[in-house]
Amino acid sequence: GVNITLGLPFVRTSPDHGTAFDIAGRGVADAASLAAALAMARRLNAA
């Protein structure tokens, strides 16, 4: 999941989940949504 903010003068994406403080620093977080947000930002910026 990727959250995209429309209507801004720049590309803004983020993972669709919160900060996950309950697992922060434990090495168990899944970075797939962050990677998807970065990939989407690249696609939107290129377009």
All heavy atoms as atom14 arrays in JSON, in Angstrom:
{
  "sequence": "GVNITLGLPFVRTSPDHGTAFDIAGRGVADAASLAAALAMARRLNAA",
  "atom14_mask": [
    [1, 1, 1, 1, 0, 0, 0, 0, 0, 0, 0, 0, 0, 0],
    [1, 1, 1, 1, 1, 1, 1, 0, 0, 0, 0, 0, 0, 0],
    [1, 1, 1, 1, 1, 1, 1, 1, 0, 0, 0, 0, 0, 0],
    [1, 1, 1, 1, 1, 1, 1, 1, 0, 0, 0, 0, 0, 0],
    [1, 1, 1, 1, 1, 1, 1, 0, 0, 0, 0, 0, 0, 0],
    [1, 1, 1, 1, 1, 1, 1, 1, 0, 0, 0, 0, 0, 0],
    [1, 1, 1, 1, 0, 0, 0, 0, 0, 0, 0, 0, 0, 0],
    [1, 1, 1, 1, 1, 1, 1, 1, 0, 0, 0, 0, 0, 0],
    [1, 1, 1, 1, 1, 1, 1, 0, 0, 0, 0, 0, 0, 0],
    [1, 1, 1, 1, 1, 1, 1, 1, 1, 1, 1, 0, 0, 0],
    [1, 1, 1, 1, 1, 1, 1, 0, 0, 0, 0, 0, 0, 0],
    [1, 1, 1, 1, 1, 1, 1, 1, 1, 1, 1, 0, 0, 0],
    [1, 1, 1, 1, 1, 1, 1, 0, 0, 0, 0, 0, 0, 0],
    [1, 1, 1, 1, 1, 1, 0, 0, 0, 0, 0, 0, 0, 0],
    [1, 1, 1, 1, 1, 1, 1, 0, 0, 0, 0, 0, 0, 0],
    [1, 1, 1, 1, 1, 1, 1, 1, 0, 0, 0, 0, 0, 0],
    [1, 1, 1, 1, 1, 1, 1, 1, 1, 1, 0, 0, 0, 0],
    [1, 1, 1, 1, 0, 0, 0, 0, 0, 0, 0, 0, 0, 0],
    [1, 1, 1, 1, 1, 1, 1, 0, 0, 0, 0, 0, 0, 0],
    [1, 1, 1, 1, 1, 0, 0, 0, 0, 0, 0, 0, 0, 0],
    [1, 1, 1, 1, 1, 1, 1, 1, 1, 1, 1, 0, 0, 0],
    [1, 1, 1, 1, 1, 1, 1, 1, 0, 0, 0, 0, 0, 0],
    [1, 1, 1, 1, 1, 1, 1, 1, 0, 0, 0, 0, 0, 0],
    [1, 1, 1, 1, 1, 0, 0, 0, 0, 0, 0, 0, 0, 0],
    [1, 1, 1, 1, 0, 0, 0, 0, 0, 0, 0, 0, 0, 0],
    [1, 1, 1, 1, 1, 1, 1, 1, 1, 1, 1, 0, 0, 0],
    [1, 1, 1, 1, 0, 0, 0, 0, 0, 0, 0, 0, 0, 0],
    [1, 1, 1, 1, 1, 1, 1, 0, 0, 0, 0, 0, 0, 0],
    [1, 1, 1, 1, 1, 0, 0, 0, 0, 0, 0, 0, 0, 0],
    [1, 1, 1, 1, 1, 1, 1, 1, 0, 0, 0, 0, 0, 0],
    [1, 1, 1, 1, 1, 0, 0, 0, 0, 0, 0, 0, 0, 0],
    [1, 1, 1, 1, 1, 0, 0, 0, 0, 0, 0, 0, 0, 0],
    [1, 1, 1, 1, 1, 1, 0, 0, 0, 0, 0, 0, 0, 0],
    [1, 1, 1, 1, 1, 1, 1, 1, 0, 0, 0, 0, 0, 0],
    [1, 1, 1, 1, 1, 0, 0, 0, 0, 0, 0, 0, 0, 0],
    [1, 1, 1, 1, 1, 0, 0, 0, 0, 0, 0, 0, 0, 0],
    [1, 1, 1, 1, 1, 0, 0, 0, 0, 0, 0, 0, 0, 0],
    [1, 1, 1, 1, 1, 1, 1, 1, 0, 0, 0, 0, 0, 0],
    [1, 1, 1, 1, 1, 0, 0, 0, 0, 0, 0, 0, 0, 0],
    [1, 1, 1, 1, 1, 1, 1, 1, 0, 0, 0, 0, 0, 0],
    [1, 1, 1, 1, 1, 0, 0, 0, 0, 0, 0, 0, 0, 0],
    [1, 1, 1, 1, 1, 1, 1, 1, 1, 1, 1, 0, 0, 0],
    [1, 1, 1, 1, 1, 1, 1, 1, 1, 1, 1, 0, 0, 0],
    [1, 1, 1, 1, 1, 1, 1, 1, 0, 0, 0, 0, 0, 0],
    [1, 1, 1, 1, 1, 1, 1, 1, 0, 0, 0, 0, 0, 0],
    [1, 1, 1, 1, 1, 0, 0, 0, 0, 0, 0, 0, 0, 0],
    [1, 1, 1, 1, 1, 0, 0, 0, 0, 0, 0, 0, 0, 0]
  ],
  "atom14_positions": [
    [[0.81, -1.21, 0.0], [0.0, 0.0, 0.0], [0.84, 1.26, 0.0], [1.87, 1.34, 0.67], [0.0, 0.0, 0.0], [0.0, 0.0, 0.0], [0.0, 0.0, 0.0], [0.0, 0.0, 0.0], [0.0, 0.0, 0.0], [0.0, 0.0, 0.0], [0.0, 0.0, 0.0], [0.0, 0.0, 0.0], [0.0, 0.0, 0.0], [0.0, 0.0, 0.0]],
    [[0.4, 2.25, -0.76], [1.08, 3.53, -0.85], [0.04, 4.64, -0.69], [-1.0, 4.63, -1.33], [1.8, 3.7, -2.21], [2.43, 5.08, -2.33], [2.83, 2.6, -2.4], [0.0, 0.0, 0.0], [0.0, 0.0, 0.0], [0.0, 0.0, 0.0], [0.0, 0.0, 0.0], [0.0, 0.0, 0.0], [0.0, 0.0, 0.0], [0.0, 0.0, 0.0]],
    [[0.35, 5.59, 0.15], [-0.47, 6.77, 0.35], [0.14, 7.87, -0.52], [1.33, 8.16, -0.4], [-0.45, 7.15, 1.83], [-1.32, 8.32, 2.16], [-1.69, 9.11, 1.31], [-1.64, 8.45, 3.43], [0.0, 0.0, 0.0], [0.0, 0.0, 0.0], [0.0, 0.0, 0.0], [0.0, 0.0, 0.0], [0.0, 0.0, 0.0], [0.0, 0.0, 0.0]],
    [[-0.69, 8.47, -1.39], [-0.23, 9.54, -2.26], [-1.04, 10.79, -1.95], [-2.27, 10.73, -1.92], [-0.4, 9.18, -3.75], [0.35, 7.89, -4.08], [0.07, 10.32, -4.65], [0.03, 7.32, -5.45], [0.0, 0.0, 0.0], [0.0, 0.0, 0.0], [0.0, 0.0, 0.0], [0.0, 0.0, 0.0], [0.0, 0.0, 0.0], [0.0, 0.0, 0.0]],
    [[-0.37, 11.9, -1.71], [-1.06, 13.16, -1.48], [-1.14, 13.9, -2.81], [-0.11, 14.21, -3.42], [-0.33, 14.01, -0.44], [-0.2, 13.25, 0.77], [-1.1, 15.29, -0.15], [0.0, 0.0, 0.0], [0.0, 0.0, 0.0], [0.0, 0.0, 0.0], [0.0, 0.0, 0.0], [0.0, 0.0, 0.0], [0.0, 0.0, 0.0], [0.0, 0.0, 0.0]],
    [[-2.35, 14.15, -3.27], [-2.57, 14.83, -4.54], [-2.67, 16.34, -4.32], [-2.97, 16.8, -3.23], [-3.86, 14.33, -5.19], [-3.94, 12.82, -5.45], [-5.3, 12.46, -6.0], [-2.84, 12.37, -6.4], [0.0, 0.0, 0.0], [0.0, 0.0, 0.0], [0.0, 0.0, 0.0], [0.0, 0.0, 0.0], [0.0, 0.0, 0.0], [0.0, 0.0, 0.0]],
    [[-2.4, 17.09, -5.37], [-2.6, 18.53, -5.33], [-1.44, 19.33, -4.79], [-1.54, 20.55, -4.64], [0.0, 0.0, 0.0], [0.0, 0.0, 0.0], [0.0, 0.0, 0.0], [0.0, 0.0, 0.0], [0.0, 0.0, 0.0], [0.0, 0.0, 0.0], [0.0, 0.0, 0.0], [0.0, 0.0, 0.0], [0.0, 0.0, 0.0], [0.0, 0.0, 0.0]],
    [[-0.34, 18.69, -4.48], [0.83, 19.4, -4.0], [1.73, 19.78, -5.17], [1.68, 19.14, -6.22], [1.63, 18.53, -3.01], [0.9, 18.1, -1.75], [1.77, 17.14, -0.94], [0.53, 19.3, -0.91], [0.0, 0.0, 0.0], [0.0, 0.0, 0.0], [0.0, 0.0, 0.0], [0.0, 0.0, 0.0], [0.0, 0.0, 0.0], [0.0, 0.0, 0.0]],
    [[2.6, 20.77, -5.02], [3.5, 21.14, -6.12], [4.72, 20.21, -6.21], [5.65, 20.48, -6.95], [3.92, 22.57, -5.76], [3.79, 22.64, -4.28], [2.63, 21.74, -3.93], [0.0, 0.0, 0.0], [0.0, 0.0, 0.0], [0.0, 0.0, 0.0], [0.0, 0.0, 0.0], [0.0, 0.0, 0.0], [0.0, 0.0, 0.0], [0.0, 0.0, 0.0]],
    [[4.7, 19.13, -5.46], [5.78, 18.15, -5.48], [5.19, 16.77, -5.23], [4.05, 16.65, -4.78], [6.85, 18.47, -4.41], [6.27, 18.68, -3.04], [6.05, 17.61, -2.19], [5.93, 19.96, -2.61], [5.5, 17.8, -0.93], [5.39, 20.16, -1.35], [5.17, 19.07, -0.51], [0.0, 0.0, 0.0], [0.0, 0.0, 0.0], [0.0, 0.0, 0.0]],
    [[5.94, 15.74, -5.54], [5.49, 14.37, -5.33], [5.64, 14.03, -3.85], [6.68, 14.26, -3.25], [6.32, 13.38, -6.19], [6.0, 11.94, -5.83], [6.08, 13.65, -7.67], [0.0, 0.0, 0.0], [0.0, 0.0, 0.0], [0.0, 0.0, 0.0], [0.0, 0.0, 0.0], [0.0, 0.0, 0.0], [0.0, 0.0, 0.0], [0.0, 0.0, 0.0]],
    [[4.55, 13.48, -3.26], [4.59, 13.08, -1.85], [3.91, 11.71, -1.71], [2.73, 11.56, -1.99], [3.87, 14.1, -0.98], [4.06, 13.83, 0.5], [2.74, 13.42, 1.11], [2.92, 13.01, 2.5], [2.31, 11.94, 2.99], [1.53, 11.2, 2.24], [2.47, 11.62, 4.24], [0.0, 0.0, 0.0], [0.0, 0.0, 0.0], [0.0, 0.0, 0.0]],
    [[4.69, 10.71, -1.36], [4.17, 9.38, -1.09], [4.63, 8.93, 0.3], [5.59, 9.48, 0.83], [4.66, 8.33, -2.12], [6.08, 8.18, -1.98], [4.33, 8.74, -3.55], [0.0, 0.0, 0.0], [0.0, 0.0, 0.0], [0.0, 0.0, 0.0], [0.0, 0.0, 0.0], [0.0, 0.0, 0.0], [0.0, 0.0, 0.0], [0.0, 0.0, 0.0]],
    [[3.94, 7.96, 0.83], [4.37, 7.36, 2.1], [3.81, 5.95, 2.18], [2.84, 5.62, 1.5], [3.9, 8.19, 3.3], [2.5, 8.11, 3.44], [0.0, 0.0, 0.0], [0.0, 0.0, 0.0], [0.0, 0.0, 0.0], [0.0, 0.0, 0.0], [0.0, 0.0, 0.0], [0.0, 0.0, 0.0], [0.0, 0.0, 0.0], [0.0, 0.0, 0.0]],
    [[4.41, 5.1, 3.03], [3.82, 3.79, 3.27], [2.42, 3.99, 3.84], [2.13, 5.0, 4.47], [4.74, 3.15, 4.31], [6.0, 3.94, 4.26], [5.63, 5.32, 3.81], [0.0, 0.0, 0.0], [0.0, 0.0, 0.0], [0.0, 0.0, 0.0], [0.0, 0.0, 0.0], [0.0, 0.0, 0.0], [0.0, 0.0, 0.0], [0.0, 0.0, 0.0]],
    [[1.56, 3.01, 3.64], [0.19, 3.18, 4.13], [0.01, 2.69, 5.56], [-1.1, 2.51, 6.01], [-0.81, 2.52, 3.2], [-0.84, 1.01, 3.32], [0.03, 0.45, 3.98], [-1.76, 0.4, 2.76], [0.0, 0.0, 0.0], [0.0, 0.0, 0.0], [0.0, 0.0, 0.0], [0.0, 0.0, 0.0], [0.0, 0.0, 0.0], [0.0, 0.0, 0.0]],
    [[1.09, 2.52, 6.27], [0.99, 2.09, 7.67], [1.59, 3.15, 8.57], [2.23, 4.08, 8.11], [1.68, 0.74, 7.89], [3.11, 0.74, 7.45], [4.1, 1.37, 8.15], [3.7, 0.18, 6.38], [5.25, 1.21, 7.53], [5.04, 0.5, 6.44], [0.0, 0.0, 0.0], [0.0, 0.0, 0.0], [0.0, 0.0, 0.0], [0.0, 0.0, 0.0]],
    [[1.39, 3.0, 9.84], [1.91, 3.96, 10.81], [3.36, 3.7, 11.16], [4.08, 2.99, 10.47], [0.0, 0.0, 0.0], [0.0, 0.0, 0.0], [0.0, 0.0, 0.0], [0.0, 0.0, 0.0], [0.0, 0.0, 0.0], [0.0, 0.0, 0.0], [0.0, 0.0, 0.0], [0.0, 0.0, 0.0], [0.0, 0.0, 0.0], [0.0, 0.0, 0.0]],
    [[3.77, 4.26, 12.28], [5.18, 4.19, 12.69], [5.56, 2.87, 13.33], [6.75, 2.59, 13.46], [5.48, 5.32, 13.68], [4.52, 5.25, 14.75], [5.38, 6.67, 13.0], [0.0, 0.0, 0.0], [0.0, 0.0, 0.0], [0.0, 0.0, 0.0], [0.0, 0.0, 0.0], [0.0, 0.0, 0.0], [0.0, 0.0, 0.0], [0.0, 0.0, 0.0]],
    [[4.63, 2.08, 13.74], [4.88, 0.75, 14.31], [5.84, 0.81, 15.49], [6.79, 0.05, 15.59], [5.39, -0.22, 13.24], [0.0, 0.0, 0.0], [0.0, 0.0, 0.0], [0.0, 0.0, 0.0], [0.0, 0.0, 0.0], [0.0, 0.0, 0.0], [0.0, 0.0, 0.0], [0.0, 0.0, 0.0], [0.0, 0.0, 0.0], [0.0, 0.0, 0.0]],
    [[5.58, 1.72, 16.41], [6.43, 1.85, 17.6], [6.53, 0.54, 18.38], [7.53, 0.28, 19.04], [5.91, 2.96, 18.52], [6.16, 4.34, 17.99], [5.11, 5.24, 17.89], [7.43, 4.76, 17.61], [5.33, 6.52, 17.41], [7.65, 6.03, 17.12], [6.6, 6.91, 17.03], [0.0, 0.0, 0.0], [0.0, 0.0, 0.0], [0.0, 0.0, 0.0]],
    [[5.51, -0.3, 18.27], [5.53, -1.56, 19.01], [6.63, -2.52, 18.55], [7.06, -3.38, 19.3], [4.17, -2.25, 18.95], [3.71, -2.55, 17.53], [3.98, -1.75, 16.62], [3.07, -3.61, 17.34], [0.0, 0.0, 0.0], [0.0, 0.0, 0.0], [0.0, 0.0, 0.0], [0.0, 0.0, 0.0], [0.0, 0.0, 0.0], [0.0, 0.0, 0.0]],
    [[7.1, -2.34, 17.3], [8.16, -3.23, 16.82], [9.42, -2.46, 16.42], [10.39, -3.06, 15.96], [7.68, -4.1, 15.63], [7.24, -3.24, 14.45], [6.58, -5.06, 16.09], [6.95, -4.02, 13.18], [0.0, 0.0, 0.0], [0.0, 0.0, 0.0], [0.0, 0.0, 0.0], [0.0, 0.0, 0.0], [0.0, 0.0, 0.0], [0.0, 0.0, 0.0]],
    [[9.42, -1.14, 16.6], [10.58, -0.33, 16.21], [11.84, -0.8, 16.92], [11.84, -1.09, 18.12], [10.32, 1.14, 16.53], [0.0, 0.0, 0.0], [0.0, 0.0, 0.0], [0.0, 0.0, 0.0], [0.0, 0.0, 0.0], [0.0, 0.0, 0.0], [0.0, 0.0, 0.0], [0.0, 0.0, 0.0], [0.0, 0.0, 0.0], [0.0, 0.0, 0.0]],
    [[12.93, -0.9, 16.16], [14.23, -1.29, 16.71], [14.4, -2.76, 16.97], [15.44, -3.19, 17.46], [0.0, 0.0, 0.0], [0.0, 0.0, 0.0], [0.0, 0.0, 0.0], [0.0, 0.0, 0.0], [0.0, 0.0, 0.0], [0.0, 0.0, 0.0], [0.0, 0.0, 0.0], [0.0, 0.0, 0.0], [0.0, 0.0, 0.0], [0.0, 0.0, 0.0]],
    [[13.41, -3.57, 16.63], [13.5, -5.02, 16.89], [13.96, -5.81, 15.67], [14.18, -7.02, 15.78], [12.15, -5.54, 17.38], [11.79, -4.94, 18.74], [10.45, -5.38, 19.29], [10.16, -6.79, 19.07], [8.93, -7.29, 19.03], [7.89, -6.49, 19.21], [8.74, -8.57, 18.84], [0.0, 0.0, 0.0], [0.0, 0.0, 0.0], [0.0, 0.0, 0.0]],
    [[14.07, -5.16, 14.52], [14.53, -5.86, 13.32], [13.5, -6.78, 12.71], [13.85, -7.7, 11.99], [0.0, 0.0, 0.0], [0.0, 0.0, 0.0], [0.0, 0.0, 0.0], [0.0, 0.0, 0.0], [0.0, 0.0, 0.0], [0.0, 0.0, 0.0], [0.0, 0.0, 0.0], [0.0, 0.0, 0.0], [0.0, 0.0, 0.0], [0.0, 0.0, 0.0]],
    [[12.22, -6.54, 12.97], [11.19, -7.42, 12.44], [10.23, -6.72, 11.47], [9.34, -7.35, 10.92], [10.36, -8.07, 13.58], [11.25, -8.96, 14.44], [9.67, -7.03, 14.42], [0.0, 0.0, 0.0], [0.0, 0.0, 0.0], [0.0, 0.0, 0.0], [0.0, 0.0, 0.0], [0.0, 0.0, 0.0], [0.0, 0.0, 0.0], [0.0, 0.0, 0.0]],
    [[10.42, -5.43, 11.27], [9.51, -4.68, 10.4], [9.68, -5.11, 8.94], [10.78, -5.45, 8.5], [9.77, -3.18, 10.53], [0.0, 0.0, 0.0], [0.0, 0.0, 0.0], [0.0, 0.0, 0.0], [0.0, 0.0, 0.0], [0.0, 0.0, 0.0], [0.0, 0.0, 0.0], [0.0, 0.0, 0.0], [0.0, 0.0, 0.0], [0.0, 0.0, 0.0]],
    [[8.6, -5.08, 8.21], [8.6, -5.39, 6.78], [8.67, -4.07, 6.03], [7.8, -3.22, 6.17], [7.32, -6.14, 6.42], [7.26, -6.58, 4.97], [8.05, -6.08, 4.14], [6.41, -7.42, 4.65], [0.0, 0.0, 0.0], [0.0, 0.0, 0.0], [0.0, 0.0, 0.0], [0.0, 0.0, 0.0], [0.0, 0.0, 0.0], [0.0, 0.0, 0.0]],
    [[9.7, -3.88, 5.22], [9.91, -2.62, 4.51], [9.24, -2.59, 3.14], [9.45, -1.66, 2.37], [11.41, -2.36, 4.37], [0.0, 0.0, 0.0], [0.0, 0.0, 0.0], [0.0, 0.0, 0.0], [0.0, 0.0, 0.0], [0.0, 0.0, 0.0], [0.0, 0.0, 0.0], [0.0, 0.0, 0.0], [0.0, 0.0, 0.0], [0.0, 0.0, 0.0]],
    [[8.4, -3.58, 2.82], [7.81, -3.66, 1.48], [6.97, -2.42, 1.15], [7.04, -1.91, 0.02], [6.97, -4.92, 1.34], [0.0, 0.0, 0.0], [0.0, 0.0, 0.0], [0.0, 0.0, 0.0], [0.0, 0.0, 0.0], [0.0, 0.0, 0.0], [0.0, 0.0, 0.0], [0.0, 0.0, 0.0], [0.0, 0.0, 0.0], [0.0, 0.0, 0.0]],
    [[6.18, -1.92, 2.09], [5.37, -0.75, 1.81], [6.23, 0.49, 1.61], [5.92, 1.34, 0.77], [4.34, -0.52, 2.94], [3.47, 0.53, 2.62], [0.0, 0.0, 0.0], [0.0, 0.0, 0.0], [0.0, 0.0, 0.0], [0.0, 0.0, 0.0], [0.0, 0.0, 0.0], [0.0, 0.0, 0.0], [0.0, 0.0, 0.0], [0.0, 0.0, 0.0]],
    [[7.32, 0.62, 2.35], [8.24, 1.73, 2.14], [8.87, 1.65, 0.75], [8.94, 2.64, 0.03], [9.33, 1.74, 3.21], [10.44, 2.77, 3.02], [9.88, 4.19, 3.04], [11.51, 2.61, 4.08], [0.0, 0.0, 0.0], [0.0, 0.0, 0.0], [0.0, 0.0, 0.0], [0.0, 0.0, 0.0], [0.0, 0.0, 0.0], [0.0, 0.0, 0.0]],
    [[9.29, 0.45, 0.36], [9.87, 0.27, -0.97], [8.84, 0.6, -2.05], [9.16, 1.23, -3.07], [10.38, -1.15, -1.13], [0.0, 0.0, 0.0], [0.0, 0.0, 0.0], [0.0, 0.0, 0.0], [0.0, 0.0, 0.0], [0.0, 0.0, 0.0], [0.0, 0.0, 0.0], [0.0, 0.0, 0.0], [0.0, 0.0, 0.0], [0.0, 0.0, 0.0]],
    [[7.58, 0.21, -1.84], [6.52, 0.51, -2.8], [6.29, 2.02, -2.88], [6.08, 2.56, -3.97], [5.23, -0.22, -2.43], [0.0, 0.0, 0.0], [0.0, 0.0, 0.0], [0.0, 0.0, 0.0], [0.0, 0.0, 0.0], [0.0, 0.0, 0.0], [0.0, 0.0, 0.0], [0.0, 0.0, 0.0], [0.0, 0.0, 0.0], [0.0, 0.0, 0.0]],
    [[6.34, 2.71, -1.73], [6.15, 4.17, -1.72], [7.28, 4.86, -2.47], [7.05, 5.82, -3.21], [6.05, 4.68, -0.29], [0.0, 0.0, 0.0], [0.0, 0.0, 0.0], [0.0, 0.0, 0.0], [0.0, 0.0, 0.0], [0.0, 0.0, 0.0], [0.0, 0.0, 0.0], [0.0, 0.0, 0.0], [0.0, 0.0, 0.0], [0.0, 0.0, 0.0]],
    [[8.5, 4.4, -2.28], [9.64, 5.0, -2.99], [9.55, 4.74, -4.49], [9.81, 5.64, -5.3], [10.95, 4.45, -2.42], [11.28, 4.89, -1.0], [12.47, 4.11, -0.46], [11.53, 6.38, -0.93], [0.0, 0.0, 0.0], [0.0, 0.0, 0.0], [0.0, 0.0, 0.0], [0.0, 0.0, 0.0], [0.0, 0.0, 0.0], [0.0, 0.0, 0.0]],
    [[9.17, 3.52, -4.86], [9.03, 3.2, -6.28], [7.93, 4.05, -6.92], [8.09, 4.55, -8.04], [8.73, 1.71, -6.45], [0.0, 0.0, 0.0], [0.0, 0.0, 0.0], [0.0, 0.0, 0.0], [0.0, 0.0, 0.0], [0.0, 0.0, 0.0], [0.0, 0.0, 0.0], [0.0, 0.0, 0.0], [0.0, 0.0, 0.0], [0.0, 0.0, 0.0]],
    [[6.82, 4.24, -6.2], [5.74, 5.06, -6.73], [6.19, 6.51, -6.87], [5.86, 7.18, -7.85], [4.5, 4.97, -5.83], [3.34, 5.82, -6.3], [2.71, 5.4, -7.94], [1.93, 3.84, -7.59], [0.0, 0.0, 0.0], [0.0, 0.0, 0.0], [0.0, 0.0, 0.0], [0.0, 0.0, 0.0], [0.0, 0.0, 0.0], [0.0, 0.0, 0.0]],
    [[6.93, 7.02, -5.9], [7.44, 8.39, -5.98], [8.32, 8.55, -7.22], [8.22, 9.56, -7.93], [8.21, 8.75, -4.71], [0.0, 0.0, 0.0], [0.0, 0.0, 0.0], [0.0, 0.0, 0.0], [0.0, 0.0, 0.0], [0.0, 0.0, 0.0], [0.0, 0.0, 0.0], [0.0, 0.0, 0.0], [0.0, 0.0, 0.0], [0.0, 0.0, 0.0]],
    [[9.16, 7.57, -7.49], [10.01, 7.63, -8.7], [9.15, 7.65, -9.96], [9.39, 8.43, -10.88], [10.98, 6.46, -8.73], [12.17, 6.63, -7.81], [13.26, 5.6, -8.08], [12.79, 4.24, -7.89], [12.88, 3.55, -6.74], [13.44, 4.11, -5.69], [12.44, 2.32, -6.65], [0.0, 0.0, 0.0], [0.0, 0.0, 0.0], [0.0, 0.0, 0.0]],
    [[8.12, 6.78, -10.02], [7.25, 6.73, -11.18], [6.51, 8.05, -11.38], [6.42, 8.57, -12.49], [6.24, 5.6, -11.06], [6.81, 4.22, -11.31], [5.81, 3.09, -11.16], [4.58, 3.33, -11.87], [3.4, 2.81, -11.5], [3.31, 2.05, -10.43], [2.32, 3.06, -12.2], [0.0, 0.0, 0.0], [0.0, 0.0, 0.0], [0.0, 0.0, 0.0]],
    [[5.97, 8.59, -10.29], [5.24, 9.85, -10.39], [6.16, 11.0, -10.78], [5.79, 11.87, -11.58], [4.53, 10.16, -9.07], [3.39, 9.22, -8.7], [2.91, 9.51, -7.29], [2.25, 9.31, -9.7], [0.0, 0.0, 0.0], [0.0, 0.0, 0.0], [0.0, 0.0, 0.0], [0.0, 0.0, 0.0], [0.0, 0.0, 0.0], [0.0, 0.0, 0.0]],
    [[7.35, 11.02, -10.22], [8.3, 12.08, -10.54], [8.72, 12.01, -12.0], [8.84, 13.04, -12.67], [9.52, 12.01, -9.61], [10.41, 13.22, -9.77], [9.95, 14.35, -9.62], [11.67, 12.99, -10.08], [0.0, 0.0, 0.0], [0.0, 0.0, 0.0], [0.0, 0.0, 0.0], [0.0, 0.0, 0.0], [0.0, 0.0, 0.0], [0.0, 0.0, 0.0]],
    [[8.93, 10.81, -12.5], [9.33, 10.66, -13.91], [8.22, 11.11, -14.85], [8.49, 11.62, -15.94], [9.7, 9.2, -14.18], [0.0, 0.0, 0.0], [0.0, 0.0, 0.0], [0.0, 0.0, 0.0], [0.0, 0.0, 0.0], [0.0, 0.0, 0.0], [0.0, 0.0, 0.0], [0.0, 0.0, 0.0], [0.0, 0.0, 0.0], [0.0, 0.0, 0.0]],
    [[6.96, 10.96, -14.43], [5.83, 11.32, -15.27], [5.39, 12.77, -15.1], [4.59, 13.27, -15.88], [4.65, 10.39, -14.97], [0.0, 0.0, 0.0], [0.0, 0.0, 0.0], [0.0, 0.0, 0.0], [0.0, 0.0, 0.0], [0.0, 0.0, 0.0], [0.0, 0.0, 0.0], [0.0, 0.0, 0.0], [0.0, 0.0, 0.0], [0.0, 0.0, 0.0]]
  ]
}
